Amino acid sequence: MAAGLLKEYRFPNTSKVIYDSNVEYHHHFFDDETVQLIDIESDIVEVKAKLKKEIPISQVQILLRGTRQTVRT
């Protein structure tokens, strides 16, 4: 992890540690039921922050949580 090849994530309510090998800028969906971390491309999520100019934003990391629905065929 020191070389920047993996990112480590720890989440509340689980002792599981998840490592993400995708070090490119992106967001995540955390499935509470399966304890899976799913990559979400940054260009499909929009954030509009209304902060004072004295609070510069260098990066936004979004974590969405929920339970993924299974698709029935």
C-alpha atoms as a PDB file:
ATOM      1  CA  MET A   1       0.000   0.000   0.000  1.00  0.00           C
ATOM      2  CA  ALA A   2       2.938   2.311   0.555  1.00  0.00           C
ATOM      3  CA  ALA A   3       3.644   2.297  -3.175  1.00  0.00           C
ATOM      4  CA  GLY A   4       0.076   3.430  -3.916  1.00  0.00           C
ATOM      5  CA  LEU A   5      -0.977   0.182  -5.604  1.00  0.00           C
ATOM      6  CA  LEU A   6      -3.813  -0.608  -3.185  1.00  0.00           C
ATOM      7  CA  LYS A   7      -6.228   1.390  -1.081  1.00  0.00           C
ATOM      8  CA  GLU A   8      -7.460  -0.072   2.195  1.00  0.00           C
ATOM      9  CA  TYR A   9     -11.054   0.455   3.320  1.00  0.00           C
ATOM     10  CA  ARG A  10     -12.629  -0.384   6.692  1.00  0.00           C
ATOM     11  CA  PHE A  11     -16.330   0.075   7.320  1.00  0.00           C
ATOM     12  CA  PRO A  12     -18.501   0.273  10.428  1.00  0.00           C
ATOM     13  CA  ASN A  13     -20.477  -2.834  11.440  1.00  0.00           C
ATOM     14  CA  THR A  14     -18.009  -5.222   9.810  1.00  0.00           C
ATOM     15  CA  SER A  15     -14.530  -6.344  10.709  1.00  0.00           C
ATOM     16  CA  LYS A  16     -13.740  -7.036   7.064  1.00  0.00           C
ATOM     17  CA  VAL A  17     -10.947  -5.060   5.418  1.00  0.00           C
ATOM     18  CA  ILE A  18     -11.415  -4.419   1.703  1.00  0.00           C
ATOM     19  CA  TYR A  19      -8.524  -3.628  -0.614  1.00  0.00           C
ATOM     20  CA  ASP A  20      -9.128  -1.763  -3.854  1.00  0.00           C
ATOM     21  CA  SER A  21      -6.568  -2.151  -6.621  1.00  0.00           C
ATOM     22  CA  ASN A  22      -8.188   0.603  -8.715  1.00  0.00           C
ATOM     23  CA  VAL A  23      -6.154   3.654  -7.721  1.00  0.00           C
ATOM     24  CA  GLU A  24      -7.726   5.856 -10.423  1.00  0.00           C
ATOM     25  CA  TYR A  25     -10.177   8.556  -9.312  1.00  0.00           C
ATOM     26  CA  HIS A  26     -13.576   6.887  -8.783  1.00  0.00           C
ATOM     27  CA  HIS A  27     -16.365   6.402  -6.251  1.00  0.00           C
ATOM     28  CA  HIS A  28     -17.822   3.357  -4.496  1.00  0.00           C
ATOM     29  CA  PHE A  29     -21.026   1.569  -3.633  1.00  0.00           C
ATOM     30  CA  PHE A  30     -20.772  -0.570  -0.489  1.00  0.00           C
ATOM     31  CA  ASP A  31     -23.267  -3.449  -0.434  1.00  0.00           C
ATOM     32  CA  ASP A  32     -24.246  -3.856   3.241  1.00  0.00           C
ATOM     33  CA  GLU A  33     -25.565  -7.382   2.686  1.00  0.00           C
ATOM     34  CA  THR A  34     -22.712  -8.931   0.705  1.00  0.00           C
ATOM     35  CA  VAL A  35     -19.984  -6.632   2.136  1.00  0.00           C
ATOM     36  CA  GLN A  36     -18.795  -5.944  -1.424  1.00  0.00           C
ATOM     37  CA  LEU A  37     -17.184  -2.714  -2.564  1.00  0.00           C
ATOM     38  CA  ILE A  38     -18.279  -1.875  -6.098  1.00  0.00           C
ATOM     39  CA  ASP A  39     -16.488   0.721  -8.227  1.00  0.00           C
ATOM     40  CA  ILE A  40     -18.527   3.593  -9.666  1.00  0.00           C
ATOM     41  CA  GLU A  41     -16.979   5.728 -12.388  1.00  0.00           C
ATOM     42  CA  SER A  42     -16.574   9.338 -11.314  1.00  0.00           C
ATOM     43  CA  ASP A  43     -18.261  10.756 -14.426  1.00  0.00           C
ATOM     44  CA  ILE A  44     -21.685   9.312 -13.541  1.00  0.00           C
ATOM     45  CA  VAL A  45     -21.894  11.039 -10.140  1.00  0.00           C
ATOM     46  CA  GLU A  46     -22.353  14.796  -9.826  1.00  0.00           C
ATOM     47  CA  VAL A  47     -21.553  16.819  -6.733  1.00  0.00           C
ATOM     48  CA  LYS A  48     -22.219  20.501  -6.343  1.00  0.00           C
ATOM     49  CA  ALA A  49     -20.676  21.850  -3.158  1.00  0.00           C
ATOM     50  CA  LYS A  50     -21.606  25.288  -1.882  1.00  0.00           C
ATOM     51  CA  LEU A  51     -18.674  25.998   0.401  1.00  0.00           C
ATOM     52  CA  LYS A  52     -16.978  29.245   1.234  1.00  0.00           C
ATOM     53  CA  LYS A  53     -14.032  30.202  -0.972  1.00  0.00           C
ATOM     54  CA  GLU A  54     -11.730  29.724   2.040  1.00  0.00           C
ATOM     55  CA  ILE A  55     -12.461  25.969   1.925  1.00  0.00           C
ATOM     56  CA  PRO A  56     -10.825  24.709  -1.269  1.00  0.00           C
ATOM     57  CA  ILE A  57     -11.742  21.198  -2.387  1.00  0.00           C
ATOM     58  CA  SER A  58      -8.912  19.140  -3.800  1.00  0.00           C
ATOM     59  CA  GLN A  59     -10.858  15.900  -4.298  1.00  0.00           C
ATOM     60  CA  VAL A  60     -14.281  14.364  -3.689  1.00  0.00           C
ATOM     61  CA  GLN A  61     -14.665  10.721  -2.698  1.00  0.00           C
ATOM     62  CA  ILE A  62     -18.205   9.393  -2.539  1.00  0.00           C
ATOM     63  CA  LEU A  63     -19.304   6.233  -0.768  1.00  0.00           C
ATOM     64  CA  LEU A  64     -22.875   5.121  -1.435  1.00  0.00           C
ATOM     65  CA  ARG A  65     -24.236   2.394   0.836  1.00  0.00           C
ATOM     66  CA  GLY A  66     -27.183   0.065   0.522  1.00  0.00           C
ATOM     67  CA  THR A  67     -28.184  -3.381  -0.634  1.00  0.00           C
ATOM     68  CA  ARG A  68     -27.950  -4.136  -4.321  1.00  0.00           C
ATOM     69  CA  GLN A  69     -31.178  -5.500  -5.780  1.00  0.00           C
ATOM     70  CA  THR A  70     -30.996  -8.720  -7.751  1.00  0.00           C
ATOM     71  CA  VAL A  71     -32.473  -8.569 -11.237  1.00  0.00           C
ATOM     72  CA  ARG A  72     -35.087 -11.225 -11.883  1.00  0.00           C
ATOM     73  CA  THR A  73     -35.453 -12.598 -15.377  1.00  0.00           C
END
